[in-house]
Amino acid sequence: RPSDSPAEAPFVLTREIPIIVIDSLDKFWAAESRTSLPLHGLRVPVEGDTEEEARRNLAADLAAQLRLLLLLATSHQGEIAPQLKANLAYLKSIMAPAQDARKQ
Protein backbone atom coordinates (compact mmCIF):
# COMPACT_ATOMS: atom_id res chain seq x y z
CA ARG A 1 0.00 0.00 0.00
CA PRO A 2 1.19 3.57 -0.50
CA SER A 3 1.92 3.95 3.22
CA ASP A 4 4.57 1.20 2.93
CA SER A 5 6.81 3.41 0.78
CA PRO A 6 9.84 4.72 2.72
CA ALA A 7 10.07 8.50 3.03
CA GLU A 8 13.52 8.56 1.38
CA ALA A 9 12.48 6.52 -1.70
CA PRO A 10 12.71 8.34 -5.05
CA PHE A 11 9.45 6.68 -6.15
CA VAL A 12 6.46 5.72 -4.02
CA LEU A 13 3.52 3.41 -4.48
CA THR A 14 0.36 5.15 -5.62
CA ARG A 15 -2.00 2.23 -5.02
CA GLU A 16 -2.17 -1.12 -3.28
CA ILE A 17 -0.63 -4.11 -5.02
CA PRO A 18 -1.01 -7.81 -4.19
CA ILE A 19 1.94 -9.23 -2.29
CA ILE A 20 2.81 -12.36 -0.35
CA VAL A 21 4.27 -12.15 3.14
CA ILE A 22 5.92 -15.24 4.63
CA ASP A 23 6.76 -15.60 8.32
CA SER A 24 9.81 -17.87 8.60
CA LEU A 25 9.78 -17.55 12.43
CA ASP A 26 12.99 -15.48 12.47
CA LYS A 27 12.24 -13.08 9.58
CA PHE A 28 9.36 -11.87 7.46
CA TRP A 29 9.73 -12.09 3.68
CA ALA A 30 7.68 -10.03 1.21
CA ALA A 31 7.36 -10.51 -2.54
CA GLU A 32 5.03 -9.52 -5.35
CA SER A 33 2.18 -11.92 -6.08
CA ARG A 34 3.23 -13.55 -9.35
CA THR A 35 -0.34 -14.59 -10.13
CA SER A 36 -1.40 -10.94 -10.24
CA LEU A 37 1.66 -8.92 -11.22
CA PRO A 38 3.19 -9.02 -14.70
CA LEU A 39 6.80 -8.56 -13.56
CA HIS A 40 9.23 -10.65 -15.59
CA GLY A 41 12.46 -12.24 -14.40
CA LEU A 42 13.67 -13.94 -11.26
CA ARG A 43 12.62 -12.06 -8.15
CA VAL A 44 13.90 -12.73 -4.68
CA PRO A 45 11.67 -11.78 -1.74
CA VAL A 46 12.98 -9.10 0.59
CA GLU A 47 13.27 -9.57 4.32
CA GLY A 48 12.55 -7.63 7.44
CA ASP A 49 12.46 -8.23 11.17
CA THR A 50 8.77 -7.27 11.20
CA GLU A 51 6.03 -7.56 8.61
CA GLU A 52 5.96 -3.77 8.29
CA GLU A 53 9.72 -3.66 7.67
CA ALA A 54 9.47 -6.38 5.00
CA ARG A 55 6.66 -4.47 3.27
CA ARG A 56 8.65 -1.22 3.42
CA ASN A 57 11.75 -2.98 2.07
CA LEU A 58 9.70 -4.41 -0.82
CA ALA A 59 8.34 -0.94 -1.67
CA ALA A 60 11.91 0.42 -1.59
CA ASP A 61 13.09 -2.43 -3.82
CA LEU A 62 10.33 -1.73 -6.36
CA ALA A 63 11.31 1.96 -6.35
CA ALA A 64 14.94 1.02 -6.99
CA GLN A 65 13.88 -1.25 -9.87
CA LEU A 66 11.84 1.54 -11.43
CA ARG A 67 14.76 3.96 -11.14
CA LEU A 68 17.14 1.46 -12.75
CA LEU A 69 14.75 0.69 -15.59
CA LEU A 70 14.22 4.39 -16.26
CA LEU A 71 17.99 4.90 -16.42
CA LEU A 72 18.40 1.95 -18.78
CA ALA A 73 15.58 3.10 -21.04
CA THR A 74 16.92 6.65 -21.32
CA SER A 75 20.53 5.60 -21.81
CA HIS A 76 19.57 3.22 -24.62
CA GLN A 77 16.92 5.45 -26.28
CA GLY A 78 14.19 3.04 -25.13
CA GLU A 79 15.87 0.03 -26.75
CA ILE A 80 15.68 -2.44 -23.89
CA ALA A 81 14.41 -6.02 -23.79
CA PRO A 82 10.63 -6.43 -24.16
CA GLN A 83 10.37 -7.97 -20.68
CA LEU A 84 12.14 -4.97 -19.17
CA LYS A 85 9.82 -2.63 -21.09
CA ALA A 86 6.83 -4.52 -19.65
CA ASN A 87 8.26 -4.24 -16.13
CA LEU A 88 8.90 -0.53 -16.65
CA ALA A 89 5.34 0.08 -17.87
CA TYR A 90 3.87 -1.81 -14.92
CA LEU A 91 6.04 -0.09 -12.31
CA LYS A 92 5.17 3.31 -13.82
CA SER A 93 1.48 2.41 -13.47
CA ILE A 94 1.76 1.75 -9.72
CA MET A 95 4.45 4.24 -8.69
CA ALA A 96 5.12 7.95 -8.99
CA PRO A 97 8.06 10.22 -8.19
CA ALA A 98 7.99 10.89 -4.46
CA GLN A 99 7.79 14.68 -4.85
CA ASP A 100 4.75 14.38 -7.17
CA ALA A 101 2.95 11.96 -4.84
CA ARG A 102 3.54 14.18 -1.81
CA LYS A 103 1.93 17.18 -3.57
CA GLN A 104 -1.38 15.31 -3.88
C-alpha atoms as a PDB file:
ATOM      1  CA  ARG A   1       0.000   0.000   0.000  1.00  0.00           C
ATOM      2  CA  PRO A   2       1.194   3.573  -0.497  1.00  0.00           C
ATOM      3  CA  SER A   3       1.921   3.953   3.222  1.00  0.00           C
ATOM      4  CA  ASP A   4       4.573   1.198   2.932  1.00  0.00           C
ATOM      5  CA  SER A   5       6.813   3.409   0.784  1.00  0.00           C
ATOM      6  CA  PRO A   6       9.835   4.721   2.721  1.00  0.00           C
ATOM      7  CA  ALA A   7      10.069   8.499   3.028  1.00  0.00           C
ATOM      8  CA  GLU A   8      13.521   8.558   1.383  1.00  0.00           C
ATOM      9  CA  ALA A   9      12.479   6.516  -1.697  1.00  0.00           C
ATOM     10  CA  PRO A  10      12.715   8.344  -5.046  1.00  0.00           C
ATOM     11  CA  PHE A  11       9.448   6.677  -6.149  1.00  0.00           C
ATOM     12  CA  VAL A  12       6.457   5.718  -4.023  1.00  0.00           C
ATOM     13  CA  LEU A  13       3.515   3.406  -4.478  1.00  0.00           C
ATOM     14  CA  THR A  14       0.357   5.150  -5.623  1.00  0.00           C
ATOM     15  CA  ARG A  15      -2.004   2.229  -5.016  1.00  0.00           C
ATOM     16  CA  GLU A  16      -2.167  -1.117  -3.281  1.00  0.00           C
ATOM     17  CA  ILE A  17      -0.625  -4.111  -5.019  1.00  0.00           C
ATOM     18  CA  PRO A  18      -1.013  -7.807  -4.189  1.00  0.00           C
ATOM     19  CA  ILE A  19       1.943  -9.230  -2.294  1.00  0.00           C
ATOM     20  CA  ILE A  20       2.810 -12.358  -0.353  1.00  0.00           C
ATOM     21  CA  VAL A  21       4.266 -12.146   3.144  1.00  0.00           C
ATOM     22  CA  ILE A  22       5.918 -15.238   4.625  1.00  0.00           C
ATOM     23  CA  ASP A  23       6.756 -15.597   8.316  1.00  0.00           C
ATOM     24  CA  SER A  24       9.809 -17.872   8.604  1.00  0.00           C
ATOM     25  CA  LEU A  25       9.785 -17.552  12.425  1.00  0.00           C
ATOM     26  CA  ASP A  26      12.987 -15.478  12.470  1.00  0.00           C
ATOM     27  CA  LYS A  27      12.243 -13.076   9.578  1.00  0.00           C
ATOM     28  CA  PHE A  28       9.363 -11.871   7.464  1.00  0.00           C
ATOM     29  CA  TRP A  29       9.725 -12.087   3.677  1.00  0.00           C
ATOM     30  CA  ALA A  30       7.681 -10.031   1.211  1.00  0.00           C
ATOM     31  CA  ALA A  31       7.358 -10.514  -2.542  1.00  0.00           C
ATOM     32  CA  GLU A  32       5.027  -9.516  -5.350  1.00  0.00           C
ATOM     33  CA  SER A  33       2.182 -11.915  -6.076  1.00  0.00           C
ATOM     34  CA  ARG A  34       3.232 -13.549  -9.354  1.00  0.00           C
ATOM     35  CA  THR A  35      -0.341 -14.594 -10.130  1.00  0.00           C
ATOM     36  CA  SER A  36      -1.400 -10.939 -10.242  1.00  0.00           C
ATOM     37  CA  LEU A  37       1.663  -8.917 -11.224  1.00  0.00           C
ATOM     38  CA  PRO A  38       3.193  -9.016 -14.701  1.00  0.00           C
ATOM     39  CA  LEU A  39       6.800  -8.561 -13.563  1.00  0.00           C
ATOM     40  CA  HIS A  40       9.233 -10.651 -15.588  1.00  0.00           C
ATOM     41  CA  GLY A  41      12.465 -12.237 -14.403  1.00  0.00           C
ATOM     42  CA  LEU A  42      13.670 -13.940 -11.262  1.00  0.00           C
ATOM     43  CA  ARG A  43      12.618 -12.060  -8.152  1.00  0.00           C
ATOM     44  CA  VAL A  44      13.903 -12.725  -4.683  1.00  0.00           C
ATOM     45  CA  PRO A  45      11.666 -11.783  -1.745  1.00  0.00           C
ATOM     46  CA  VAL A  46      12.981  -9.103   0.586  1.00  0.00           C
ATOM     47  CA  GLU A  47      13.270  -9.569   4.324  1.00  0.00           C
ATOM     48  CA  GLY A  48      12.545  -7.626   7.438  1.00  0.00           C
ATOM     49  CA  ASP A  49      12.458  -8.233  11.166  1.00  0.00           C
ATOM     50  CA  THR A  50       8.772  -7.272  11.199  1.00  0.00           C
ATOM     51  CA  GLU A  51       6.032  -7.562   8.609  1.00  0.00           C
ATOM     52  CA  GLU A  52       5.964  -3.769   8.288  1.00  0.00           C
ATOM     53  CA  GLU A  53       9.717  -3.662   7.666  1.00  0.00           C
ATOM     54  CA  ALA A  54       9.466  -6.381   5.002  1.00  0.00           C
ATOM     55  CA  ARG A  55       6.659  -4.473   3.274  1.00  0.00           C
ATOM     56  CA  ARG A  56       8.649  -1.218   3.422  1.00  0.00           C
ATOM     57  CA  ASN A  57      11.747  -2.980   2.066  1.00  0.00           C
ATOM     58  CA  LEU A  58       9.700  -4.405  -0.818  1.00  0.00           C
ATOM     59  CA  ALA A  59       8.344  -0.940  -1.666  1.00  0.00           C
ATOM     60  CA  ALA A  60      11.911   0.417  -1.589  1.00  0.00           C
ATOM     61  CA  ASP A  61      13.090  -2.434  -3.825  1.00  0.00           C
ATOM     62  CA  LEU A  62      10.330  -1.733  -6.355  1.00  0.00           C
ATOM     63  CA  ALA A  63      11.308   1.965  -6.347  1.00  0.00           C
ATOM     64  CA  ALA A  64      14.935   1.019  -6.994  1.00  0.00           C
ATOM     65  CA  GLN A  65      13.877  -1.254  -9.873  1.00  0.00           C
ATOM     66  CA  LEU A  66      11.843   1.545 -11.430  1.00  0.00           C
ATOM     67  CA  ARG A  67      14.755   3.956 -11.144  1.00  0.00           C
ATOM     68  CA  LEU A  68      17.144   1.459 -12.754  1.00  0.00           C
ATOM     69  CA  LEU A  69      14.745   0.686 -15.594  1.00  0.00           C
ATOM     70  CA  LEU A  70      14.223   4.394 -16.260  1.00  0.00           C
ATOM     71  CA  LEU A  71      17.991   4.897 -16.418  1.00  0.00           C
ATOM     72  CA  LEU A  72      18.400   1.945 -18.783  1.00  0.00           C
ATOM     73  CA  ALA A  73      15.581   3.103 -21.042  1.00  0.00           C
ATOM     74  CA  THR A  74      16.916   6.650 -21.324  1.00  0.00           C
ATOM     75  CA  SER A  75      20.529   5.601 -21.815  1.00  0.00           C
ATOM     76  CA  HIS A  76      19.567   3.219 -24.620  1.00  0.00           C
ATOM     77  CA  GLN A  77      16.918   5.445 -26.277  1.00  0.00           C
ATOM     78  CA  GLY A  78      14.194   3.037 -25.129  1.00  0.00           C
ATOM     79  CA  GLU A  79      15.871   0.030 -26.748  1.00  0.00           C
ATOM     80  CA  ILE A  80      15.682  -2.443 -23.889  1.00  0.00           C
ATOM     81  CA  ALA A  81      14.406  -6.016 -23.795  1.00  0.00           C
ATOM     82  CA  PRO A  82      10.631  -6.433 -24.158  1.00  0.00           C
ATOM     83  CA  GLN A  83      10.371  -7.974 -20.680  1.00  0.00           C
ATOM     84  CA  LEU A  84      12.139  -4.970 -19.168  1.00  0.00           C
ATOM     85  CA  LYS A  85       9.817  -2.629 -21.088  1.00  0.00           C
ATOM     86  CA  ALA A  86       6.834  -4.521 -19.652  1.00  0.00           C
ATOM     87  CA  ASN A  87       8.257  -4.238 -16.129  1.00  0.00           C
ATOM     88  CA  LEU A  88       8.899  -0.526 -16.647  1.00  0.00           C
ATOM     89  CA  ALA A  89       5.342   0.078 -17.867  1.00  0.00           C
ATOM     90  CA  TYR A  90       3.875  -1.812 -14.923  1.00  0.00           C
ATOM     91  CA  LEU A  91       6.037  -0.088 -12.314  1.00  0.00           C
ATOM     92  CA  LYS A  92       5.168   3.314 -13.817  1.00  0.00           C
ATOM     93  CA  SER A  93       1.485   2.413 -13.473  1.00  0.00           C
ATOM     94  CA  ILE A  94       1.764   1.751  -9.718  1.00  0.00           C
ATOM     95  CA  MET A  95       4.453   4.241  -8.691  1.00  0.00           C
ATOM     96  CA  ALA A  96       5.119   7.953  -8.995  1.00  0.00           C
ATOM     97  CA  PRO A  97       8.058  10.224  -8.189  1.00  0.00           C
ATOM     98  CA  ALA A  98       7.988  10.893  -4.457  1.00  0.00           C
ATOM     99  CA  GLN A  99       7.791  14.677  -4.847  1.00  0.00           C
ATOM    100  CA  ASP A 100       4.750  14.383  -7.166  1.00  0.00           C
ATOM    101  CA  ALA A 101       2.947  11.961  -4.839  1.00  0.00           C
ATOM    102  CA  ARG A 102       3.542  14.176  -1.808  1.00  0.00           C
ATOM    103  CA  LYS A 103       1.932  17.182  -3.568  1.00  0.00           C
ATOM    104  CA  GLN A 104      -1.375  15.310  -3.881  1.00  0.00           C
END
